[in-house]
Every structure is written in structure tokens, then in C-alpha cells.
Amino acid sequence: MIAEAIIIQNDCVLMVMQYVERGDIVWNFPGGGIQEGESPEQACIREVREETGFDIQLKGLLKERNKKYSFIGEVVGGNLFLDTDNQDNLDIIEVAWIPLTELEKFDFITLPMLELAKQRVPFNIS
């Protein structure tokens, strides 16, 4: 099972550029595997902190499909930081706020989820 957060702030979305199993490099929402004894919500908060340096608050479940939980999140603390010493982050190349207008960064998986999230999140959240 996987949990991810879609975090929109100041007309940008928080993304991680990473290698995926098929060998491609893609932009994904921060998130990852749910550990034993962990709820999807707990996993999402932990994964975002590990991958981006941000502490987040979850605002709700956007969608659950095929054991993948996509949450709407909001940054409540921390600083943008990729911990390259963390072995779980070896597949991550970059963490960045991507402008919502840069549609070429999104693929057939992330773009529909982003469009769904934009319907639920007001723009210019600070």
C-alpha cells in the first residue's frame, strides 16, 4: 500500500523527481510505502517529512485506488530539504515546488490527480 500527498501552495504543487521501477525519471507527489502498524495517514505524513523536509497536516482523502491513498496536504512546518543520507531517498533526484502552469512536468498519472486536487484546494494558499 502507498500513501501520497498533493500539496498546493502559491499556485505551485510540491513534487519529487525520482527514478521509478520501469527505469524512467518522473515527477511524483511525495509519498511512499505504508509500514506495518501504520495508517495511510501516518505513512503519508512520515513520507512527506522524509522526502521533502516539510511537516504537513492532512486535509482529507482525495482518492483511494488500488491500495494507493492520495491525500490533500498542507505545509505546517519545516523547510524544503532532501535528505540524501536517508537510504530511502536514493531514488529521489530533486524536490521542488512546480508551478501549476508547467503541465509538461505531469504525466498520465499525476495530471488527473492534480486536476482533481485543484477542484478541492483554493489557489494562492499561503
N, C-alpha and C. Protein backbone atom coordinates (compact mmCIF):
# COMPACT_ATOMS: atom_id res chain seq x y z
N MET A 1 0.84 -1.18 0.00
CA MET A 1 0.00 0.00 0.00
C MET A 1 0.88 1.24 0.00
N ILE A 2 0.37 2.27 -0.62
CA ILE A 2 1.11 3.52 -0.80
C ILE A 2 0.24 4.69 -0.36
N ALA A 3 0.88 5.71 0.22
CA ALA A 3 0.20 6.95 0.59
C ALA A 3 1.00 8.11 0.02
N GLU A 4 0.30 9.08 -0.57
CA GLU A 4 0.96 10.25 -1.13
C GLU A 4 0.17 11.50 -0.76
N ALA A 5 0.85 12.65 -0.83
CA ALA A 5 0.20 13.92 -0.53
C ALA A 5 0.30 14.85 -1.73
N ILE A 6 -0.81 15.50 -2.01
CA ILE A 6 -0.85 16.53 -3.03
C ILE A 6 -0.96 17.85 -2.27
N ILE A 7 0.11 18.64 -2.36
CA ILE A 7 0.22 19.87 -1.57
C ILE A 7 0.34 21.04 -2.54
N ILE A 8 -0.69 21.86 -2.58
CA ILE A 8 -0.72 23.02 -3.47
C ILE A 8 -0.59 24.27 -2.61
N GLN A 9 0.36 25.13 -3.01
CA GLN A 9 0.60 26.35 -2.26
C GLN A 9 1.12 27.41 -3.22
N ASN A 10 0.57 28.61 -3.16
CA ASN A 10 1.02 29.71 -4.02
C ASN A 10 1.07 29.32 -5.50
N ASP A 11 0.03 28.66 -5.97
CA ASP A 11 -0.10 28.24 -7.37
C ASP A 11 1.00 27.28 -7.82
N CYS A 12 1.57 26.54 -6.86
CA CYS A 12 2.58 25.52 -7.15
C CYS A 12 2.19 24.24 -6.41
N VAL A 13 2.72 23.13 -6.88
CA VAL A 13 2.48 21.85 -6.22
C VAL A 13 3.83 21.25 -5.85
N LEU A 14 3.91 20.67 -4.67
CA LEU A 14 5.15 20.05 -4.18
C LEU A 14 5.34 18.70 -4.87
N MET A 15 6.50 18.53 -5.52
CA MET A 15 6.77 17.31 -6.27
C MET A 15 8.19 16.81 -5.99
N VAL A 16 8.38 15.52 -6.22
CA VAL A 16 9.72 14.92 -6.15
C VAL A 16 10.04 14.32 -7.52
N MET A 17 11.25 14.60 -8.01
CA MET A 17 11.72 13.97 -9.24
C MET A 17 12.46 12.72 -8.82
N GLN A 18 12.05 11.57 -9.37
CA GLN A 18 12.66 10.32 -8.93
C GLN A 18 12.70 9.28 -10.04
N TYR A 19 13.62 8.34 -9.82
CA TYR A 19 13.67 7.16 -10.68
C TYR A 19 12.53 6.24 -10.28
N VAL A 20 11.87 5.64 -11.25
CA VAL A 20 10.81 4.67 -10.96
C VAL A 20 11.24 3.31 -11.48
N GLU A 21 10.53 2.27 -11.05
CA GLU A 21 10.91 0.89 -11.35
C GLU A 21 11.10 0.61 -12.84
N ARG A 22 10.31 1.26 -13.67
CA ARG A 22 10.43 0.99 -15.12
C ARG A 22 11.66 1.65 -15.73
N GLY A 23 12.44 2.40 -14.91
CA GLY A 23 13.68 3.00 -15.37
C GLY A 23 13.57 4.45 -15.79
N ASP A 24 12.37 4.99 -15.78
CA ASP A 24 12.18 6.39 -16.16
C ASP A 24 12.47 7.32 -14.99
N ILE A 25 12.65 8.58 -15.31
CA ILE A 25 12.72 9.64 -14.30
C ILE A 25 11.44 10.45 -14.45
N VAL A 26 10.68 10.57 -13.36
CA VAL A 26 9.39 11.25 -13.40
C VAL A 26 9.23 12.17 -12.20
N TRP A 27 8.31 13.11 -12.33
CA TRP A 27 7.88 13.93 -11.20
C TRP A 27 6.69 13.24 -10.55
N ASN A 28 6.77 13.02 -9.25
CA ASN A 28 5.69 12.39 -8.49
C ASN A 28 5.33 13.26 -7.30
N PHE A 29 4.16 12.99 -6.75
CA PHE A 29 3.81 13.60 -5.48
C PHE A 29 4.60 12.90 -4.38
N PRO A 30 5.01 13.61 -3.33
CA PRO A 30 5.75 12.94 -2.26
C PRO A 30 4.89 11.89 -1.57
N GLY A 31 5.51 10.77 -1.26
CA GLY A 31 4.80 9.68 -0.60
C GLY A 31 5.57 8.39 -0.73
N GLY A 32 5.00 7.32 -0.21
CA GLY A 32 5.67 6.04 -0.29
C GLY A 32 4.91 4.95 0.44
N GLY A 33 5.63 3.90 0.74
CA GLY A 33 5.03 2.71 1.32
C GLY A 33 4.51 2.89 2.74
N ILE A 34 3.43 2.17 3.01
CA ILE A 34 2.84 2.15 4.34
C ILE A 34 3.47 1.00 5.11
N GLN A 35 4.09 1.31 6.24
CA GLN A 35 4.76 0.30 7.04
C GLN A 35 3.75 -0.45 7.92
N GLU A 36 4.14 -1.64 8.35
CA GLU A 36 3.28 -2.45 9.21
C GLU A 36 2.93 -1.66 10.47
N GLY A 37 1.65 -1.66 10.82
CA GLY A 37 1.17 -0.96 12.01
C GLY A 37 0.91 0.52 11.80
N GLU A 38 1.13 1.00 10.59
CA GLU A 38 0.97 2.41 10.28
C GLU A 38 -0.33 2.62 9.50
N SER A 39 -1.04 3.68 9.79
CA SER A 39 -2.22 4.02 8.99
C SER A 39 -1.75 4.73 7.72
N PRO A 40 -2.61 4.78 6.69
CA PRO A 40 -2.24 5.53 5.49
C PRO A 40 -1.91 7.00 5.82
N GLU A 41 -2.65 7.58 6.74
CA GLU A 41 -2.42 8.97 7.13
C GLU A 41 -1.04 9.14 7.77
N GLN A 42 -0.71 8.25 8.70
CA GLN A 42 0.60 8.32 9.37
C GLN A 42 1.73 8.14 8.36
N ALA A 43 1.56 7.19 7.45
CA ALA A 43 2.58 6.94 6.43
C ALA A 43 2.78 8.17 5.54
N CYS A 44 1.70 8.79 5.16
CA CYS A 44 1.77 9.96 4.29
C CYS A 44 2.55 11.09 4.96
N ILE A 45 2.22 11.38 6.19
CA ILE A 45 2.91 12.44 6.94
C ILE A 45 4.39 12.11 7.09
N ARG A 46 4.72 10.87 7.42
CA ARG A 46 6.12 10.45 7.58
C ARG A 46 6.87 10.55 6.27
N GLU A 47 6.28 10.03 5.20
CA GLU A 47 6.95 10.03 3.90
C GLU A 47 7.22 11.45 3.40
N VAL A 48 6.25 12.34 3.56
CA VAL A 48 6.46 13.72 3.12
C VAL A 48 7.60 14.36 3.90
N ARG A 49 7.64 14.13 5.21
CA ARG A 49 8.73 14.67 6.03
C ARG A 49 10.08 14.12 5.57
N GLU A 50 10.14 12.79 5.34
CA GLU A 50 11.39 12.16 4.92
C GLU A 50 11.86 12.66 3.55
N GLU A 51 10.93 12.85 2.63
CA GLU A 51 11.29 13.19 1.25
C GLU A 51 11.47 14.67 1.00
N THR A 52 10.79 15.52 1.79
CA THR A 52 10.80 16.96 1.48
C THR A 52 11.29 17.85 2.62
N GLY A 53 11.31 17.35 3.85
CA GLY A 53 11.67 18.17 5.00
C GLY A 53 10.49 18.90 5.61
N PHE A 54 9.32 18.81 4.99
CA PHE A 54 8.14 19.52 5.49
C PHE A 54 7.30 18.67 6.43
N ASP A 55 6.77 19.32 7.46
CA ASP A 55 5.72 18.73 8.28
C ASP A 55 4.40 19.17 7.66
N ILE A 56 3.48 18.22 7.54
CA ILE A 56 2.20 18.56 6.91
C ILE A 56 1.03 18.15 7.80
N GLN A 57 -0.08 18.75 7.50
CA GLN A 57 -1.37 18.37 8.07
C GLN A 57 -2.22 17.89 6.90
N LEU A 58 -2.89 16.77 7.09
CA LEU A 58 -3.75 16.25 6.03
C LEU A 58 -5.11 16.91 6.13
N LYS A 59 -5.63 17.32 4.97
CA LYS A 59 -6.92 18.00 4.89
C LYS A 59 -8.03 17.07 4.44
N GLY A 60 -7.67 15.87 4.04
CA GLY A 60 -8.69 14.92 3.61
C GLY A 60 -8.16 13.96 2.56
N LEU A 61 -8.89 12.88 2.41
CA LEU A 61 -8.56 11.87 1.40
C LEU A 61 -9.14 12.33 0.07
N LEU A 62 -8.29 12.47 -0.93
CA LEU A 62 -8.73 12.87 -2.26
C LEU A 62 -9.26 11.67 -3.03
N LYS A 63 -8.50 10.56 -2.97
CA LYS A 63 -8.89 9.37 -3.72
C LYS A 63 -8.15 8.16 -3.18
N GLU A 64 -8.82 7.02 -3.23
CA GLU A 64 -8.18 5.73 -2.90
C GLU A 64 -8.43 4.82 -4.08
N ARG A 65 -7.35 4.28 -4.63
CA ARG A 65 -7.48 3.38 -5.77
C ARG A 65 -6.33 2.38 -5.74
N ASN A 66 -6.65 1.13 -5.93
CA ASN A 66 -5.64 0.07 -5.99
C ASN A 66 -4.64 0.13 -4.84
N LYS A 67 -5.14 0.29 -3.63
CA LYS A 67 -4.30 0.36 -2.42
C LYS A 67 -3.33 1.53 -2.43
N LYS A 68 -3.71 2.61 -3.13
CA LYS A 68 -2.94 3.84 -3.14
C LYS A 68 -3.84 4.95 -2.62
N TYR A 69 -3.40 5.60 -1.55
CA TYR A 69 -4.18 6.65 -0.90
C TYR A 69 -3.58 8.00 -1.26
N SER A 70 -4.38 8.87 -1.85
CA SER A 70 -3.93 10.22 -2.21
C SER A 70 -4.66 11.22 -1.33
N PHE A 71 -3.88 11.95 -0.55
CA PHE A 71 -4.42 12.92 0.39
C PHE A 71 -4.13 14.34 -0.07
N ILE A 72 -4.99 15.27 0.34
CA ILE A 72 -4.70 16.69 0.22
C ILE A 72 -3.93 17.06 1.48
N GLY A 73 -2.80 17.74 1.32
CA GLY A 73 -1.99 18.13 2.47
C GLY A 73 -1.71 19.62 2.48
N GLU A 74 -1.29 20.10 3.65
CA GLU A 74 -0.93 21.50 3.83
C GLU A 74 0.34 21.55 4.67
N VAL A 75 1.31 22.35 4.24
CA VAL A 75 2.55 22.51 4.98
C VAL A 75 2.27 23.28 6.27
N VAL A 76 2.74 22.74 7.40
CA VAL A 76 2.57 23.41 8.69
C VAL A 76 3.90 23.69 9.37
N GLY A 77 5.01 23.23 8.78
CA GLY A 77 6.32 23.49 9.37
C GLY A 77 7.42 22.86 8.55
N GLY A 78 8.64 23.09 8.99
CA GLY A 78 9.81 22.52 8.32
C GLY A 78 10.29 23.39 7.18
N ASN A 79 11.33 22.91 6.52
CA ASN A 79 11.93 23.61 5.38
C ASN A 79 12.19 22.61 4.27
N LEU A 80 12.09 23.09 3.03
CA LEU A 80 12.34 22.23 1.88
C LEU A 80 13.77 21.70 1.96
N PHE A 81 13.89 20.37 2.01
CA PHE A 81 15.19 19.74 2.19
C PHE A 81 15.12 18.29 1.76
N LEU A 82 16.04 17.87 0.91
CA LEU A 82 16.14 16.47 0.51
C LEU A 82 17.28 15.84 1.28
N ASP A 83 16.95 14.91 2.16
CA ASP A 83 17.94 14.21 2.98
C ASP A 83 18.57 13.09 2.15
N THR A 84 19.71 13.39 1.54
CA THR A 84 20.37 12.40 0.69
C THR A 84 21.10 11.33 1.49
N ASP A 85 21.20 11.51 2.81
CA ASP A 85 21.80 10.48 3.66
C ASP A 85 20.80 9.37 3.99
N ASN A 86 19.52 9.65 3.81
CA ASN A 86 18.47 8.67 4.08
C ASN A 86 18.44 7.67 2.91
N GLN A 87 18.70 6.41 3.21
CA GLN A 87 18.75 5.37 2.17
C GLN A 87 17.44 5.26 1.39
N ASP A 88 16.32 5.58 2.03
CA ASP A 88 15.03 5.51 1.35
C ASP A 88 14.87 6.59 0.28
N ASN A 89 15.75 7.58 0.29
CA ASN A 89 15.65 8.69 -0.67
C ASN A 89 16.61 8.56 -1.85
N LEU A 90 17.28 7.43 -1.99
CA LEU A 90 18.28 7.28 -3.04
C LEU A 90 17.69 7.39 -4.45
N ASP A 91 16.39 7.12 -4.58
CA ASP A 91 15.74 7.22 -5.89
C ASP A 91 15.29 8.64 -6.22
N ILE A 92 15.42 9.56 -5.27
CA ILE A 92 14.95 10.94 -5.46
C ILE A 92 16.11 11.82 -5.94
N ILE A 93 15.86 12.55 -7.01
CA ILE A 93 16.85 13.43 -7.61
C ILE A 93 16.68 14.86 -7.13
N GLU A 94 15.42 15.29 -7.00
CA GLU A 94 15.13 16.68 -6.68
C GLU A 94 13.76 16.78 -6.03
N VAL A 95 13.61 17.78 -5.16
CA VAL A 95 12.32 18.13 -4.56
C VAL A 95 12.09 19.59 -4.89
N ALA A 96 10.90 19.93 -5.38
CA ALA A 96 10.66 21.32 -5.80
C ALA A 96 9.18 21.65 -5.80
N TRP A 97 8.92 22.95 -5.71
CA TRP A 97 7.58 23.48 -5.94
C TRP A 97 7.45 23.72 -7.44
N ILE A 98 6.55 23.03 -8.09
CA ILE A 98 6.36 23.13 -9.54
C ILE A 98 5.12 24.00 -9.82
N PRO A 99 5.28 25.07 -10.62
CA PRO A 99 4.12 25.89 -10.96
C PRO A 99 3.02 25.05 -11.64
N LEU A 100 1.79 25.32 -11.27
CA LEU A 100 0.67 24.58 -11.83
C LEU A 100 0.54 24.78 -13.34
N THR A 101 1.17 25.80 -13.86
CA THR A 101 1.11 26.08 -15.30
C THR A 101 2.08 25.22 -16.11
N GLU A 102 3.02 24.56 -15.46
CA GLU A 102 4.03 23.75 -16.16
C GLU A 102 3.51 22.32 -16.36
N LEU A 103 2.49 22.20 -17.20
CA LEU A 103 1.80 20.92 -17.39
C LEU A 103 2.71 19.83 -17.95
N GLU A 104 3.78 20.22 -18.64
CA GLU A 104 4.68 19.22 -19.21
C GLU A 104 5.40 18.39 -18.14
N LYS A 105 5.41 18.86 -16.90
CA LYS A 105 6.06 18.13 -15.81
C LYS A 105 5.20 16.96 -15.33
N PHE A 106 3.92 16.98 -15.65
CA PHE A 106 2.98 15.99 -15.13
C PHE A 106 2.71 14.91 -16.17
N ASP A 107 2.53 13.68 -15.70
CA ASP A 107 2.29 12.57 -16.63
C ASP A 107 0.84 12.11 -16.53
N PHE A 108 0.54 10.99 -17.18
CA PHE A 108 -0.83 10.48 -17.24
C PHE A 108 -1.36 10.03 -15.89
N ILE A 109 -0.49 9.90 -14.90
CA ILE A 109 -0.93 9.53 -13.55
C ILE A 109 -1.10 10.79 -12.70
N THR A 110 -0.10 11.67 -12.71
CA THR A 110 -0.14 12.83 -11.83
C THR A 110 -1.10 13.93 -12.31
N LEU A 111 -1.23 14.11 -13.63
CA LEU A 111 -2.08 15.19 -14.12
C LEU A 111 -3.55 15.03 -13.72
N PRO A 112 -4.16 13.85 -13.88
CA PRO A 112 -5.56 13.72 -13.44
C PRO A 112 -5.73 13.94 -11.93
N MET A 113 -4.76 13.49 -11.14
CA MET A 113 -4.85 13.69 -9.69
C MET A 113 -4.69 15.17 -9.35
N LEU A 114 -3.81 15.85 -10.05
CA LEU A 114 -3.62 17.28 -9.83
C LEU A 114 -4.89 18.04 -10.19
N GLU A 115 -5.51 17.69 -11.30
CA GLU A 115 -6.76 18.36 -11.71
C GLU A 115 -7.86 18.14 -10.66
N LEU A 116 -7.94 16.93 -10.13
CA LEU A 116 -8.91 16.63 -9.09
C LEU A 116 -8.62 17.45 -7.83
N ALA A 117 -7.35 17.54 -7.46
CA ALA A 117 -6.96 18.29 -6.27
C ALA A 117 -7.24 19.78 -6.44
N LYS A 118 -7.02 20.32 -7.63
CA LYS A 118 -7.26 21.74 -7.87
C LYS A 118 -8.73 22.11 -7.66
N GLN A 119 -9.62 21.15 -7.85
CA GLN A 119 -11.04 21.41 -7.61
C GLN A 119 -11.34 21.53 -6.12
N ARG A 120 -10.47 20.95 -5.29
CA ARG A 120 -10.70 20.93 -3.85
C ARG A 120 -9.88 21.95 -3.08
N VAL A 121 -8.82 22.49 -3.70
CA VAL A 121 -7.90 23.38 -3.00
C VAL A 121 -7.97 24.76 -3.61
N PRO A 122 -8.23 25.80 -2.80
CA PRO A 122 -8.22 27.15 -3.35
C PRO A 122 -6.80 27.55 -3.74
N PHE A 123 -6.68 28.38 -4.76
CA PHE A 123 -5.37 28.84 -5.20
C PHE A 123 -4.83 29.90 -4.24
N ASN A 124 -3.53 30.13 -4.32
CA ASN A 124 -2.83 31.13 -3.51
C ASN A 124 -2.93 30.86 -2.03
N ILE A 125 -2.82 29.61 -1.64
CA ILE A 125 -2.76 29.27 -0.22
C ILE A 125 -1.38 29.67 0.28
N SER A 126 -1.33 30.35 1.40
CA SER A 126 -0.02 30.74 1.93
C SER A 126 0.29 29.98 3.20
